[in-house]
């Protein structure tokens, strides 16, 4: 199955934070980098932004959806190009919700 861990090269998940000027708090987001990714290299990569659904958070795509495992397997099978995946926290202010 595409979502099961296989004996293929694996990418990495990086957890970052930024200060939101709109919401006013620190926001977490996750970035998947494909196997062999070199941040100092000259190779460019497409970027896929994944936004979670209602009641989830930035971690949902990897913790529940296994997006990183799926992409590792698709890249290894030649069905997807190596790419970066960015998975941000998608909520704004909650006091008006």
C-alpha atoms as a PDB file:
ATOM      1  CA  UNK A   1       0.000   0.000   0.000  1.00  0.00           C
ATOM      2  CA  UNK A   2       1.186   3.482  -0.795  1.00  0.00           C
ATOM      3  CA  UNK A   3       0.723   4.697   2.816  1.00  0.00           C
ATOM      4  CA  UNK A   4       2.762   1.912   4.427  1.00  0.00           C
ATOM      5  CA  UNK A   5       6.428   2.364   5.333  1.00  0.00           C
ATOM      6  CA  UNK A   6       8.518   0.664   2.665  1.00  0.00           C
ATOM      7  CA  UNK A   7      12.189  -0.044   2.093  1.00  0.00           C
ATOM      8  CA  UNK A   8      12.701   3.140   0.079  1.00  0.00           C
ATOM      9  CA  UNK A   9      14.725   6.291   0.752  1.00  0.00           C
ATOM     10  CA  UNK A  10      12.880   8.541   3.193  1.00  0.00           C
ATOM     11  CA  UNK A  11      12.596  12.287   3.320  1.00  0.00           C
ATOM     12  CA  UNK A  12      12.619  14.366   6.493  1.00  0.00           C
ATOM     13  CA  UNK A  13      10.003  16.363   8.375  1.00  0.00           C
ATOM     14  CA  UNK A  14      11.134  19.703   9.822  1.00  0.00           C
ATOM     15  CA  UNK A  15       9.103  21.638  12.397  1.00  0.00           C
ATOM     16  CA  UNK A  16       9.410  25.435  12.202  1.00  0.00           C
ATOM     17  CA  UNK A  17       7.721  28.431  13.831  1.00  0.00           C
ATOM     18  CA  UNK A  18       6.963  31.987  12.755  1.00  0.00           C
ATOM     19  CA  UNK A  19       5.347  34.988  14.407  1.00  0.00           C
ATOM     20  CA  UNK A  20       1.996  35.699  12.771  1.00  0.00           C
ATOM     21  CA  UNK A  21       1.452  39.403  12.189  1.00  0.00           C
ATOM     22  CA  UNK A  22      -2.264  38.790  11.594  1.00  0.00           C
ATOM     23  CA  UNK A  23      -3.093  36.558  14.549  1.00  0.00           C
ATOM     24  CA  UNK A  24      -0.303  37.781  16.828  1.00  0.00           C
ATOM     25  CA  UNK A  25       0.994  34.440  18.068  1.00  0.00           C
ATOM     26  CA  UNK A  26       3.711  31.947  17.194  1.00  0.00           C
ATOM     27  CA  UNK A  27       2.545  29.499  14.565  1.00  0.00           C
ATOM     28  CA  UNK A  28       3.969  26.084  13.830  1.00  0.00           C
ATOM     29  CA  UNK A  29       4.332  24.556  10.402  1.00  0.00           C
ATOM     30  CA  UNK A  30       5.947  21.421   9.038  1.00  0.00           C
ATOM     31  CA  UNK A  31       8.095  21.033   5.928  1.00  0.00           C
ATOM     32  CA  UNK A  32       8.831  17.727   4.226  1.00  0.00           C
ATOM     33  CA  UNK A  33      12.094  17.565   2.295  1.00  0.00           C
ATOM     34  CA  UNK A  34      12.641  14.647  -0.103  1.00  0.00           C
ATOM     35  CA  UNK A  35      15.448  12.095   0.151  1.00  0.00           C
ATOM     36  CA  UNK A  36      18.761  13.636  -0.883  1.00  0.00           C
ATOM     37  CA  UNK A  37      17.580  17.208  -0.361  1.00  0.00           C
ATOM     38  CA  UNK A  38      20.468  19.633   0.197  1.00  0.00           C
ATOM     39  CA  UNK A  39      19.385  23.078   1.442  1.00  0.00           C
ATOM     40  CA  UNK A  40      22.684  24.503   0.161  1.00  0.00           C
ATOM     41  CA  UNK A  41      22.328  22.868  -3.244  1.00  0.00           C
ATOM     42  CA  UNK A  42      21.313  24.576  -6.465  1.00  0.00           C
ATOM     43  CA  UNK A  43      18.532  22.163  -7.368  1.00  0.00           C
ATOM     44  CA  UNK A  44      15.048  23.664  -7.288  1.00  0.00           C
ATOM     45  CA  UNK A  45      11.936  21.746  -6.245  1.00  0.00           C
ATOM     46  CA  UNK A  46       8.211  22.232  -6.734  1.00  0.00           C
ATOM     47  CA  UNK A  47       6.320  23.065  -3.530  1.00  0.00           C
ATOM     48  CA  UNK A  48       3.017  21.515  -2.476  1.00  0.00           C
ATOM     49  CA  UNK A  49       1.060  23.313   0.259  1.00  0.00           C
ATOM     50  CA  UNK A  50      -1.291  21.051   2.215  1.00  0.00           C
ATOM     51  CA  UNK A  51      -3.968  22.691   4.356  1.00  0.00           C
ATOM     52  CA  UNK A  52      -5.597  20.565   7.027  1.00  0.00           C
ATOM     53  CA  UNK A  53      -9.311  20.162   7.522  1.00  0.00           C
ATOM     54  CA  UNK A  54     -11.587  21.424  10.265  1.00  0.00           C
ATOM     55  CA  UNK A  55     -10.485  20.472  13.803  1.00  0.00           C
ATOM     56  CA  UNK A  56      -7.039  19.266  12.658  1.00  0.00           C
ATOM     57  CA  UNK A  57      -3.708  21.015  13.023  1.00  0.00           C
ATOM     58  CA  UNK A  58      -0.441  21.397  11.096  1.00  0.00           C
ATOM     59  CA  UNK A  59       0.709  17.941  12.195  1.00  0.00           C
ATOM     60  CA  UNK A  60      -2.337  16.102  10.815  1.00  0.00           C
ATOM     61  CA  UNK A  61      -0.937  15.500   7.327  1.00  0.00           C
ATOM     62  CA  UNK A  62       2.007  13.508   8.686  1.00  0.00           C
ATOM     63  CA  UNK A  63       0.633  12.087  11.957  1.00  0.00           C
ATOM     64  CA  UNK A  64      -2.704  10.909  10.542  1.00  0.00           C
ATOM     65  CA  UNK A  65      -2.562  11.284   6.765  1.00  0.00           C
ATOM     66  CA  UNK A  66       0.978   9.892   6.406  1.00  0.00           C
ATOM     67  CA  UNK A  67       1.617  12.324   3.551  1.00  0.00           C
ATOM     68  CA  UNK A  68       5.377  11.983   3.985  1.00  0.00           C
ATOM     69  CA  UNK A  69       5.247   8.176   3.724  1.00  0.00           C
ATOM     70  CA  UNK A  70       2.967   8.349   0.685  1.00  0.00           C
ATOM     71  CA  UNK A  71       5.268  10.836  -1.040  1.00  0.00           C
ATOM     72  CA  UNK A  72       8.383   8.780  -0.201  1.00  0.00           C
ATOM     73  CA  UNK A  73       6.772   5.753  -1.872  1.00  0.00           C
ATOM     74  CA  UNK A  74       5.506   7.677  -4.919  1.00  0.00           C
ATOM     75  CA  UNK A  75       8.915   9.284  -5.480  1.00  0.00           C
ATOM     76  CA  UNK A  76      10.624   5.878  -5.226  1.00  0.00           C
ATOM     77  CA  UNK A  77       8.140   4.417  -7.747  1.00  0.00           C
ATOM     78  CA  UNK A  78       8.714   7.317 -10.166  1.00  0.00           C
ATOM     79  CA  UNK A  79       5.062   8.387  -9.841  1.00  0.00           C
ATOM     80  CA  UNK A  80       5.884  11.775  -8.254  1.00  0.00           C
ATOM     81  CA  UNK A  81       8.745  14.211  -8.615  1.00  0.00           C
ATOM     82  CA  UNK A  82      10.807  15.052  -5.544  1.00  0.00           C
ATOM     83  CA  UNK A  83       9.159  18.095  -3.975  1.00  0.00           C
ATOM     84  CA  UNK A  84       8.835  20.098  -0.805  1.00  0.00           C
ATOM     85  CA  UNK A  85       5.583  19.849   1.154  1.00  0.00           C
ATOM     86  CA  UNK A  86       4.579  22.681   3.463  1.00  0.00           C
ATOM     87  CA  UNK A  87       1.894  21.970   6.063  1.00  0.00           C
ATOM     88  CA  UNK A  88       0.910  25.106   8.010  1.00  0.00           C
ATOM     89  CA  UNK A  89      -1.545  25.663  10.829  1.00  0.00           C
ATOM     90  CA  UNK A  90      -4.614  26.887   8.990  1.00  0.00           C
ATOM     91  CA  UNK A  91      -6.597  28.652  11.716  1.00  0.00           C
ATOM     92  CA  UNK A  92      -6.859  32.340  12.378  1.00  0.00           C
ATOM     93  CA  UNK A  93      -8.343  33.916  15.464  1.00  0.00           C
ATOM     94  CA  UNK A  94     -10.868  31.732  17.270  1.00  0.00           C
ATOM     95  CA  UNK A  95     -12.786  34.248  19.415  1.00  0.00           C
ATOM     96  CA  UNK A  96     -15.261  34.911  16.558  1.00  0.00           C
ATOM     97  CA  UNK A  97     -15.779  31.236  15.748  1.00  0.00           C
END
